[in-house]
Amino acid sequence: QRKRTAYYFTAASAGGVERVYPLAAP
């Protein structure tokens, strides 16, 4: 029953820098 699912990632470095992928997310 799973519908089409949107997703993105947030990666964090040990120094606290965060970046989302894709860059225009959400």
mmCIF file of all heavy atoms, coordinates in Angstrom:
data_MODEL
# 
_entry.id   MODEL 
# 
loop_
_atom_site.group_PDB 
_atom_site.id 
_atom_site.type_symbol 
_atom_site.label_atom_id 
_atom_site.label_alt_id 
_atom_site.label_comp_id 
_atom_site.label_asym_id 
_atom_site.label_entity_id 
_atom_site.label_seq_id 
_atom_site.pdbx_PDB_ins_code 
_atom_site.Cartn_x 
_atom_site.Cartn_y 
_atom_site.Cartn_z 
_atom_site.occupancy 
_atom_site.B_iso_or_equiv 
_atom_site.pdbx_formal_charge 
_atom_site.auth_seq_id 
_atom_site.auth_comp_id 
_atom_site.auth_asym_id 
_atom_site.auth_atom_id 
_atom_site.pdbx_PDB_model_num 
ATOM 1   N N   . GLN A 1 1  ? 0.805  -1.218 0.000  1.00 0.00 ? 1  GLN A N   1 
ATOM 2   C CA  . GLN A 1 1  ? 0.000  0.000  0.000  1.00 0.00 ? 1  GLN A CA  1 
ATOM 3   C C   . GLN A 1 1  ? 0.842  1.275  0.000  1.00 0.00 ? 1  GLN A C   1 
ATOM 4   O O   . GLN A 1 1  ? 0.295  2.372  0.028  1.00 0.00 ? 1  GLN A O   1 
ATOM 5   C CB  . GLN A 1 1  ? -0.938 0.041  1.224  1.00 0.00 ? 1  GLN A CB  1 
ATOM 6   C CG  . GLN A 1 1  ? -2.184 -0.809 1.069  1.00 0.00 ? 1  GLN A CG  1 
ATOM 7   C CD  . GLN A 1 1  ? -1.894 -2.286 1.240  1.00 0.00 ? 1  GLN A CD  1 
ATOM 8   O OE1 . GLN A 1 1  ? -1.138 -2.675 2.116  1.00 0.00 ? 1  GLN A OE1 1 
ATOM 9   N NE2 . GLN A 1 1  ? -2.471 -3.111 0.399  1.00 0.00 ? 1  GLN A NE2 1 
ATOM 10  N N   . ARG A 1 2  ? 2.173  1.142  -0.031 1.00 0.00 ? 2  ARG A N   1 
ATOM 11  C CA  . ARG A 1 2  ? 3.033  2.322  0.004  1.00 0.00 ? 2  ARG A CA  1 
ATOM 12  C C   . ARG A 1 2  ? 2.757  3.195  -1.212 1.00 0.00 ? 2  ARG A C   1 
ATOM 13  O O   . ARG A 1 2  ? 2.753  2.736  -2.342 1.00 0.00 ? 2  ARG A O   1 
ATOM 14  C CB  . ARG A 1 2  ? 4.503  1.931  0.034  1.00 0.00 ? 2  ARG A CB  1 
ATOM 15  C CG  . ARG A 1 2  ? 5.425  3.158  0.095  1.00 0.00 ? 2  ARG A CG  1 
ATOM 16  C CD  . ARG A 1 2  ? 6.899  2.813  0.185  1.00 0.00 ? 2  ARG A CD  1 
ATOM 17  N NE  . ARG A 1 2  ? 7.188  2.265  1.490  1.00 0.00 ? 2  ARG A NE  1 
ATOM 18  C CZ  . ARG A 1 2  ? 7.764  1.086  1.691  1.00 0.00 ? 2  ARG A CZ  1 
ATOM 19  N NH1 . ARG A 1 2  ? 8.139  0.348  0.688  1.00 0.00 ? 2  ARG A NH1 1 
ATOM 20  N NH2 . ARG A 1 2  ? 7.982  0.654  2.912  1.00 0.00 ? 2  ARG A NH2 1 
ATOM 21  N N   . LYS A 1 3  ? 2.535  4.457  -0.946 1.00 0.00 ? 3  LYS A N   1 
ATOM 22  C CA  . LYS A 1 3  ? 2.322  5.432  -2.014 1.00 0.00 ? 3  LYS A CA  1 
ATOM 23  C C   . LYS A 1 3  ? 3.676  5.976  -2.453 1.00 0.00 ? 3  LYS A C   1 
ATOM 24  O O   . LYS A 1 3  ? 4.703  5.709  -1.832 1.00 0.00 ? 3  LYS A O   1 
ATOM 25  C CB  . LYS A 1 3  ? 1.447  6.580  -1.506 1.00 0.00 ? 3  LYS A CB  1 
ATOM 26  C CG  . LYS A 1 3  ? 0.069  6.148  -1.085 1.00 0.00 ? 3  LYS A CG  1 
ATOM 27  C CD  . LYS A 1 3  ? -0.702 7.316  -0.536 1.00 0.00 ? 3  LYS A CD  1 
ATOM 28  C CE  . LYS A 1 3  ? -2.067 6.871  -0.041 1.00 0.00 ? 3  LYS A CE  1 
ATOM 29  N NZ  . LYS A 1 3  ? -2.780 7.980  0.603  1.00 0.00 ? 3  LYS A NZ  1 
ATOM 30  N N   . ARG A 1 4  ? 3.656  6.766  -3.501 1.00 0.00 ? 4  ARG A N   1 
ATOM 31  C CA  . ARG A 1 4  ? 4.882  7.422  -3.954 1.00 0.00 ? 4  ARG A CA  1 
ATOM 32  C C   . ARG A 1 4  ? 5.447  8.210  -2.779 1.00 0.00 ? 4  ARG A C   1 
ATOM 33  O O   . ARG A 1 4  ? 4.729  8.954  -2.111 1.00 0.00 ? 4  ARG A O   1 
ATOM 34  C CB  . ARG A 1 4  ? 4.561  8.352  -5.112 1.00 0.00 ? 4  ARG A CB  1 
ATOM 35  C CG  . ARG A 1 4  ? 5.770  8.925  -5.781 1.00 0.00 ? 4  ARG A CG  1 
ATOM 36  C CD  . ARG A 1 4  ? 5.356  9.596  -7.087 1.00 0.00 ? 4  ARG A CD  1 
ATOM 37  N NE  . ARG A 1 4  ? 6.529  10.029 -7.805 1.00 0.00 ? 4  ARG A NE  1 
ATOM 38  C CZ  . ARG A 1 4  ? 6.729  11.278 -8.196 1.00 0.00 ? 4  ARG A CZ  1 
ATOM 39  N NH1 . ARG A 1 4  ? 5.836  12.203 -7.952 1.00 0.00 ? 4  ARG A NH1 1 
ATOM 40  N NH2 . ARG A 1 4  ? 7.818  11.604 -8.850 1.00 0.00 ? 4  ARG A NH2 1 
ATOM 41  N N   . THR A 1 5  ? 6.729  8.043  -2.508 1.00 0.00 ? 5  THR A N   1 
ATOM 42  C CA  . THR A 1 5  ? 7.354  8.615  -1.315 1.00 0.00 ? 5  THR A CA  1 
ATOM 43  C C   . THR A 1 5  ? 8.473  9.570  -1.687 1.00 0.00 ? 5  THR A C   1 
ATOM 44  O O   . THR A 1 5  ? 9.397  9.203  -2.410 1.00 0.00 ? 5  THR A O   1 
ATOM 45  C CB  . THR A 1 5  ? 7.905  7.485  -0.412 1.00 0.00 ? 5  THR A CB  1 
ATOM 46  O OG1 . THR A 1 5  ? 6.829  6.601  -0.086 1.00 0.00 ? 5  THR A OG1 1 
ATOM 47  C CG2 . THR A 1 5  ? 8.515  8.031  0.848  1.00 0.00 ? 5  THR A CG2 1 
ATOM 48  N N   . ALA A 1 6  ? 8.378  10.807 -1.170 1.00 0.00 ? 6  ALA A N   1 
ATOM 49  C CA  . ALA A 1 6  ? 9.423  11.819 -1.362 1.00 0.00 ? 6  ALA A CA  1 
ATOM 50  C C   . ALA A 1 6  ? 10.422 11.699 -0.219 1.00 0.00 ? 6  ALA A C   1 
ATOM 51  O O   . ALA A 1 6  ? 10.036 11.402 0.916  1.00 0.00 ? 6  ALA A O   1 
ATOM 52  C CB  . ALA A 1 6  ? 8.809  13.215 -1.369 1.00 0.00 ? 6  ALA A CB  1 
ATOM 53  N N   . TYR A 1 7  ? 11.703 11.910 -0.495 1.00 0.00 ? 7  TYR A N   1 
ATOM 54  C CA  . TYR A 1 7  ? 12.701 11.853 0.573  1.00 0.00 ? 7  TYR A CA  1 
ATOM 55  C C   . TYR A 1 7  ? 13.903 12.724 0.243  1.00 0.00 ? 7  TYR A C   1 
ATOM 56  O O   . TYR A 1 7  ? 14.168 13.050 -0.902 1.00 0.00 ? 7  TYR A O   1 
ATOM 57  C CB  . TYR A 1 7  ? 13.133 10.417 0.855  1.00 0.00 ? 7  TYR A CB  1 
ATOM 58  C CG  . TYR A 1 7  ? 13.927 9.754  -0.242 1.00 0.00 ? 7  TYR A CG  1 
ATOM 59  C CD1 . TYR A 1 7  ? 15.324 9.744  -0.200 1.00 0.00 ? 7  TYR A CD1 1 
ATOM 60  C CD2 . TYR A 1 7  ? 13.298 9.129  -1.310 1.00 0.00 ? 7  TYR A CD2 1 
ATOM 61  C CE1 . TYR A 1 7  ? 16.059 9.125  -1.185 1.00 0.00 ? 7  TYR A CE1 1 
ATOM 62  C CE2 . TYR A 1 7  ? 14.032 8.508  -2.303 1.00 0.00 ? 7  TYR A CE2 1 
ATOM 63  C CZ  . TYR A 1 7  ? 15.406 8.509  -2.241 1.00 0.00 ? 7  TYR A CZ  1 
ATOM 64  O OH  . TYR A 1 7  ? 16.145 7.902  -3.227 1.00 0.00 ? 7  TYR A OH  1 
ATOM 65  N N   . TYR A 1 8  ? 14.610 13.080 1.315  1.00 0.00 ? 8  TYR A N   1 
ATOM 66  C CA  . TYR A 1 8  ? 15.889 13.775 1.184  1.00 0.00 ? 8  TYR A CA  1 
ATOM 67  C C   . TYR A 1 8  ? 16.740 13.427 2.395  1.00 0.00 ? 8  TYR A C   1 
ATOM 68  O O   . TYR A 1 8  ? 16.261 12.846 3.364  1.00 0.00 ? 8  TYR A O   1 
ATOM 69  C CB  . TYR A 1 8  ? 15.708 15.290 1.032  1.00 0.00 ? 8  TYR A CB  1 
ATOM 70  C CG  . TYR A 1 8  ? 15.173 16.011 2.240  1.00 0.00 ? 8  TYR A CG  1 
ATOM 71  C CD1 . TYR A 1 8  ? 16.031 16.594 3.171  1.00 0.00 ? 8  TYR A CD1 1 
ATOM 72  C CD2 . TYR A 1 8  ? 13.804 16.130 2.458  1.00 0.00 ? 8  TYR A CD2 1 
ATOM 73  C CE1 . TYR A 1 8  ? 15.534 17.270 4.279  1.00 0.00 ? 8  TYR A CE1 1 
ATOM 74  C CE2 . TYR A 1 8  ? 13.302 16.803 3.555  1.00 0.00 ? 8  TYR A CE2 1 
ATOM 75  C CZ  . TYR A 1 8  ? 14.170 17.374 4.460  1.00 0.00 ? 8  TYR A CZ  1 
ATOM 76  O OH  . TYR A 1 8  ? 13.693 18.034 5.558  1.00 0.00 ? 8  TYR A OH  1 
ATOM 77  N N   . PHE A 1 9  ? 18.033 13.748 2.308  1.00 0.00 ? 9  PHE A N   1 
ATOM 78  C CA  . PHE A 1 9  ? 18.980 13.429 3.365  1.00 0.00 ? 9  PHE A CA  1 
ATOM 79  C C   . PHE A 1 9  ? 19.511 14.709 4.006  1.00 0.00 ? 9  PHE A C   1 
ATOM 80  O O   . PHE A 1 9  ? 19.672 15.717 3.322  1.00 0.00 ? 9  PHE A O   1 
ATOM 81  C CB  . PHE A 1 9  ? 20.189 12.675 2.800  1.00 0.00 ? 9  PHE A CB  1 
ATOM 82  C CG  . PHE A 1 9  ? 19.847 11.411 2.076  1.00 0.00 ? 9  PHE A CG  1 
ATOM 83  C CD1 . PHE A 1 9  ? 19.765 11.387 0.696  1.00 0.00 ? 9  PHE A CD1 1 
ATOM 84  C CD2 . PHE A 1 9  ? 19.626 10.236 2.776  1.00 0.00 ? 9  PHE A CD2 1 
ATOM 85  C CE1 . PHE A 1 9  ? 19.468 10.224 0.019  1.00 0.00 ? 9  PHE A CE1 1 
ATOM 86  C CE2 . PHE A 1 9  ? 19.331 9.059  2.108  1.00 0.00 ? 9  PHE A CE2 1 
ATOM 87  C CZ  . PHE A 1 9  ? 19.250 9.054  0.724  1.00 0.00 ? 9  PHE A CZ  1 
ATOM 88  N N   . THR A 1 10 ? 19.837 14.637 5.287  1.00 0.00 ? 10 THR A N   1 
ATOM 89  C CA  . THR A 1 10 ? 20.596 15.676 5.960  1.00 0.00 ? 10 THR A CA  1 
ATOM 90  C C   . THR A 1 10 ? 21.826 14.997 6.549  1.00 0.00 ? 10 THR A C   1 
ATOM 91  O O   . THR A 1 10 ? 21.697 14.087 7.372  1.00 0.00 ? 10 THR A O   1 
ATOM 92  C CB  . THR A 1 10 ? 19.790 16.358 7.081  1.00 0.00 ? 10 THR A CB  1 
ATOM 93  O OG1 . THR A 1 10 ? 18.597 16.907 6.517  1.00 0.00 ? 10 THR A OG1 1 
ATOM 94  C CG2 . THR A 1 10 ? 20.598 17.466 7.737  1.00 0.00 ? 10 THR A CG2 1 
ATOM 95  N N   . ALA A 1 11 ? 23.004 15.410 6.092  1.00 0.00 ? 11 ALA A N   1 
ATOM 96  C CA  . ALA A 1 11 ? 24.261 14.852 6.591  1.00 0.00 ? 11 ALA A CA  1 
ATOM 97  C C   . ALA A 1 11 ? 24.922 15.881 7.491  1.00 0.00 ? 11 ALA A C   1 
ATOM 98  O O   . ALA A 1 11 ? 24.926 17.077 7.184  1.00 0.00 ? 11 ALA A O   1 
ATOM 99  C CB  . ALA A 1 11 ? 25.186 14.506 5.425  1.00 0.00 ? 11 ALA A CB  1 
ATOM 100 N N   . ALA A 1 12 ? 25.473 15.424 8.608  1.00 0.00 ? 12 ALA A N   1 
ATOM 101 C CA  . ALA A 1 12 ? 26.141 16.316 9.564  1.00 0.00 ? 12 ALA A CA  1 
ATOM 102 C C   . ALA A 1 12 ? 27.567 15.842 9.796  1.00 0.00 ? 12 ALA A C   1 
ATOM 103 O O   . ALA A 1 12 ? 27.804 14.654 10.032 1.00 0.00 ? 12 ALA A O   1 
ATOM 104 C CB  . ALA A 1 12 ? 25.376 16.341 10.884 1.00 0.00 ? 12 ALA A CB  1 
ATOM 105 N N   . SER A 1 13 ? 28.516 16.778 9.744  1.00 0.00 ? 13 SER A N   1 
ATOM 106 C CA  . SER A 1 13 ? 29.909 16.458 10.032 1.00 0.00 ? 13 SER A CA  1 
ATOM 107 C C   . SER A 1 13 ? 30.130 16.482 11.541 1.00 0.00 ? 13 SER A C   1 
ATOM 108 O O   . SER A 1 13 ? 29.293 16.983 12.294 1.00 0.00 ? 13 SER A O   1 
ATOM 109 C CB  . SER A 1 13 ? 30.838 17.466 9.365  1.00 0.00 ? 13 SER A CB  1 
ATOM 110 O OG  . SER A 1 13 ? 30.764 18.719 10.018 1.00 0.00 ? 13 SER A OG  1 
ATOM 111 N N   . ALA A 1 14 ? 31.268 15.962 11.964 1.00 0.00 ? 14 ALA A N   1 
ATOM 112 C CA  . ALA A 1 14 ? 31.606 15.973 13.392 1.00 0.00 ? 14 ALA A CA  1 
ATOM 113 C C   . ALA A 1 14 ? 31.705 17.395 13.919 1.00 0.00 ? 14 ALA A C   1 
ATOM 114 O O   . ALA A 1 14 ? 31.438 17.652 15.089 1.00 0.00 ? 14 ALA A O   1 
ATOM 115 C CB  . ALA A 1 14 ? 32.918 15.219 13.622 1.00 0.00 ? 14 ALA A CB  1 
ATOM 116 N N   . GLY A 1 15 ? 32.037 18.352 13.057 1.00 0.00 ? 15 GLY A N   1 
ATOM 117 C CA  . GLY A 1 15 ? 32.152 19.755 13.460 1.00 0.00 ? 15 GLY A CA  1 
ATOM 118 C C   . GLY A 1 15 ? 30.823 20.497 13.482 1.00 0.00 ? 15 GLY A C   1 
ATOM 119 O O   . GLY A 1 15 ? 30.784 21.685 13.759 1.00 0.00 ? 15 GLY A O   1 
ATOM 120 N N   . GLY A 1 16 ? 29.732 19.813 13.157 1.00 0.00 ? 16 GLY A N   1 
ATOM 121 C CA  . GLY A 1 16 ? 28.413 20.432 13.212 1.00 0.00 ? 16 GLY A CA  1 
ATOM 122 C C   . GLY A 1 16 ? 27.933 21.042 11.906 1.00 0.00 ? 16 GLY A C   1 
ATOM 123 O O   . GLY A 1 16 ? 26.860 21.629 11.849 1.00 0.00 ? 16 GLY A O   1 
ATOM 124 N N   . VAL A 1 17 ? 28.698 20.897 10.829 1.00 0.00 ? 17 VAL A N   1 
ATOM 125 C CA  . VAL A 1 17 ? 28.266 21.410 9.530  1.00 0.00 ? 17 VAL A CA  1 
ATOM 126 C C   . VAL A 1 17 ? 27.204 20.460 8.977  1.00 0.00 ? 17 VAL A C   1 
ATOM 127 O O   . VAL A 1 17 ? 27.404 19.254 8.938  1.00 0.00 ? 17 VAL A O   1 
ATOM 128 C CB  . VAL A 1 17 ? 29.446 21.514 8.543  1.00 0.00 ? 17 VAL A CB  1 
ATOM 129 C CG1 . VAL A 1 17 ? 28.970 21.938 7.163  1.00 0.00 ? 17 VAL A CG1 1 
ATOM 130 C CG2 . VAL A 1 17 ? 30.496 22.472 9.075  1.00 0.00 ? 17 VAL A CG2 1 
ATOM 131 N N   . GLU A 1 18 ? 26.054 21.018 8.576  1.00 0.00 ? 18 GLU A N   1 
ATOM 132 C CA  . GLU A 1 18 ? 24.989 20.205 7.998  1.00 0.00 ? 18 GLU A CA  1 
ATOM 133 C C   . GLU A 1 18 ? 24.772 20.587 6.544  1.00 0.00 ? 18 GLU A C   1 
ATOM 134 O O   . GLU A 1 18 ? 24.906 21.743 6.172  1.00 0.00 ? 18 GLU A O   1 
ATOM 135 C CB  . GLU A 1 18 ? 23.669 20.400 8.762  1.00 0.00 ? 18 GLU A CB  1 
ATOM 136 C CG  . GLU A 1 18 ? 23.677 19.773 10.118 1.00 0.00 ? 18 GLU A CG  1 
ATOM 137 C CD  . GLU A 1 18 ? 22.312 19.811 10.788 1.00 0.00 ? 18 GLU A CD  1 
ATOM 138 O OE1 . GLU A 1 18 ? 21.386 20.457 10.250 1.00 0.00 ? 18 GLU A OE1 1 
ATOM 139 O OE2 . GLU A 1 18 ? 22.178 19.192 11.844 1.00 0.00 ? 18 GLU A OE2 1 
ATOM 140 N N   . ARG A 1 19 ? 24.410 19.582 5.749  1.00 0.00 ? 19 ARG A N   1 
ATOM 141 C CA  . ARG A 1 19 ? 24.114 19.809 4.337  1.00 0.00 ? 19 ARG A CA  1 
ATOM 142 C C   . ARG A 1 19 ? 22.978 18.871 3.950  1.00 0.00 ? 19 ARG A C   1 
ATOM 143 O O   . ARG A 1 19 ? 22.965 17.716 4.350  1.00 0.00 ? 19 ARG A O   1 
ATOM 144 C CB  . ARG A 1 19 ? 25.339 19.517 3.486  1.00 0.00 ? 19 ARG A CB  1 
ATOM 145 C CG  . ARG A 1 19 ? 25.115 19.814 2.022  1.00 0.00 ? 19 ARG A CG  1 
ATOM 146 C CD  . ARG A 1 19 ? 26.371 19.747 1.223  1.00 0.00 ? 19 ARG A CD  1 
ATOM 147 N NE  . ARG A 1 19 ? 27.263 20.843 1.621  1.00 0.00 ? 19 ARG A NE  1 
ATOM 148 C CZ  . ARG A 1 19 ? 28.558 20.848 1.405  1.00 0.00 ? 19 ARG A CZ  1 
ATOM 149 N NH1 . ARG A 1 19 ? 29.127 19.816 0.840  1.00 0.00 ? 19 ARG A NH1 1 
ATOM 150 N NH2 . ARG A 1 19 ? 29.290 21.870 1.769  1.00 0.00 ? 19 ARG A NH2 1 
ATOM 151 N N   . VAL A 1 20 ? 22.030 19.406 3.179  1.00 0.00 ? 20 VAL A N   1 
ATOM 152 C CA  . VAL A 1 20 ? 20.931 18.564 2.714  1.00 0.00 ? 20 VAL A CA  1 
ATOM 153 C C   . VAL A 1 20 ? 21.205 18.110 1.283  1.00 0.00 ? 20 VAL A C   1 
ATOM 154 O O   . VAL A 1 20 ? 21.905 18.784 0.526  1.00 0.00 ? 20 VAL A O   1 
ATOM 155 C CB  . VAL A 1 20 ? 19.564 19.296 2.781  1.00 0.00 ? 20 VAL A CB  1 
ATOM 156 C CG1 . VAL A 1 20 ? 19.167 19.569 4.212  1.00 0.00 ? 20 VAL A CG1 1 
ATOM 157 C CG2 . VAL A 1 20 ? 19.562 20.551 1.955  1.00 0.00 ? 20 VAL A CG2 1 
ATOM 158 N N   . TYR A 1 21 ? 20.675 16.958 0.940  1.00 0.00 ? 21 TYR A N   1 
ATOM 159 C CA  . TYR A 1 21 ? 20.782 16.386 -0.407 1.00 0.00 ? 21 TYR A CA  1 
ATOM 160 C C   . TYR A 1 21 ? 19.416 15.904 -0.820 1.00 0.00 ? 21 TYR A C   1 
ATOM 161 O O   . TYR A 1 21 ? 18.835 15.117 -0.089 1.00 0.00 ? 21 TYR A O   1 
ATOM 162 C CB  . TYR A 1 21 ? 21.768 15.213 -0.422 1.00 0.00 ? 21 TYR A CB  1 
ATOM 163 C CG  . TYR A 1 21 ? 23.162 15.599 -0.062 1.00 0.00 ? 21 TYR A CG  1 
ATOM 164 C CD1 . TYR A 1 21 ? 23.612 15.514 1.251  1.00 0.00 ? 21 TYR A CD1 1 
ATOM 165 C CD2 . TYR A 1 21 ? 24.046 16.061 -1.037 1.00 0.00 ? 21 TYR A CD2 1 
ATOM 166 C CE1 . TYR A 1 21 ? 24.902 15.883 1.589  1.00 0.00 ? 21 TYR A CE1 1 
ATOM 167 C CE2 . TYR A 1 21 ? 25.342 16.419 -0.695 1.00 0.00 ? 21 TYR A CE2 1 
ATOM 168 C CZ  . TYR A 1 21 ? 25.757 16.324 0.617  1.00 0.00 ? 21 TYR A CZ  1 
ATOM 169 O OH  . TYR A 1 21 ? 27.025 16.691 0.955  1.00 0.00 ? 21 TYR A OH  1 
ATOM 170 N N   . PRO A 1 22 ? 18.877 16.373 -1.935 1.00 0.00 ? 22 PRO A N   1 
ATOM 171 C CA  . PRO A 1 22 ? 19.456 17.348 -2.834 1.00 0.00 ? 22 PRO A CA  1 
ATOM 172 C C   . PRO A 1 22 ? 19.540 18.719 -2.175 1.00 0.00 ? 22 PRO A C   1 
ATOM 173 O O   . PRO A 1 22 ? 18.844 18.983 -1.190 1.00 0.00 ? 22 PRO A O   1 
ATOM 174 C CB  . PRO A 1 22 ? 18.503 17.363 -4.034 1.00 0.00 ? 22 PRO A CB  1 
ATOM 175 C CG  . PRO A 1 22 ? 17.210 16.875 -3.505 1.00 0.00 ? 22 PRO A CG  1 
ATOM 176 C CD  . PRO A 1 22 ? 17.535 15.960 -2.371 1.00 0.00 ? 22 PRO A CD  1 
ATOM 177 N N   . LEU A 1 23 ? 20.370 19.578 -2.737 1.00 0.00 ? 23 LEU A N   1 
ATOM 178 C CA  . LEU A 1 23 ? 20.659 20.868 -2.104 1.00 0.00 ? 23 LEU A CA  1 
ATOM 179 C C   . LEU A 1 23 ? 19.435 21.764 -1.944 1.00 0.00 ? 23 LEU A C   1 
ATOM 180 O O   . LEU A 1 23 ? 19.408 22.605 -1.064 1.00 0.00 ? 23 LEU A O   1 
ATOM 181 C CB  . LEU A 1 23 ? 21.751 21.598 -2.882 1.00 0.00 ? 23 LEU A CB  1 
ATOM 182 C CG  . LEU A 1 23 ? 23.122 20.917 -2.844 1.00 0.00 ? 23 LEU A CG  1 
ATOM 183 C CD1 . LEU A 1 23 ? 24.103 21.659 -3.727 1.00 0.00 ? 23 LEU A CD1 1 
ATOM 184 C CD2 . LEU A 1 23 ? 23.646 20.807 -1.425 1.00 0.00 ? 23 LEU A CD2 1 
ATOM 185 N N   . ALA A 1 24 ? 18.410 21.590 -2.753 1.00 0.00 ? 24 ALA A N   1 
ATOM 186 C CA  . ALA A 1 24 ? 17.204 22.417 -2.654 1.00 0.00 ? 24 ALA A CA  1 
ATOM 187 C C   . ALA A 1 24 ? 16.134 21.800 -1.749 1.00 0.00 ? 24 ALA A C   1 
ATOM 188 O O   . ALA A 1 24 ? 15.015 22.279 -1.689 1.00 0.00 ? 24 ALA A O   1 
ATOM 189 C CB  . ALA A 1 24 ? 16.625 22.661 -4.037 1.00 0.00 ? 24 ALA A CB  1 
ATOM 190 N N   . ALA A 1 25 ? 16.464 20.734 -1.030 1.00 0.00 ? 25 ALA A N   1 
ATOM 191 C CA  . ALA A 1 25 ? 15.482 20.076 -0.151 1.00 0.00 ? 25 ALA A CA  1 
ATOM 192 C C   . ALA A 1 25 ? 15.079 21.016 0.969  1.00 0.00 ? 25 ALA A C   1 
ATOM 193 O O   . ALA A 1 25 ? 15.880 21.842 1.393  1.00 0.00 ? 25 ALA A O   1 
ATOM 194 C CB  . ALA A 1 25 ? 16.077 18.794 0.422  1.00 0.00 ? 25 ALA A CB  1 
ATOM 195 N N   . PRO A 1 26 ? 13.892 20.950 1.461  1.00 0.00 ? 26 PRO A N   1 
ATOM 196 C CA  . PRO A 1 26 ? 12.817 20.010 1.143  1.00 0.00 ? 26 PRO A CA  1 
ATOM 197 C C   . PRO A 1 26 ? 11.932 20.433 -0.023 1.00 0.00 ? 26 PRO A C   1 
ATOM 198 O O   . PRO A 1 26 ? 10.978 19.731 -0.342 1.00 0.00 ? 26 PRO A O   1 
ATOM 199 C CB  . PRO A 1 26 ? 12.010 19.962 2.427  1.00 0.00 ? 26 PRO A CB  1 
ATOM 200 C CG  . PRO A 1 26 ? 12.138 21.316 3.010  1.00 0.00 ? 26 PRO A CG  1 
ATOM 201 C CD  . PRO A 1 26 ? 13.532 21.777 2.633  1.00 0.00 ? 26 PRO A CD  1 
# 
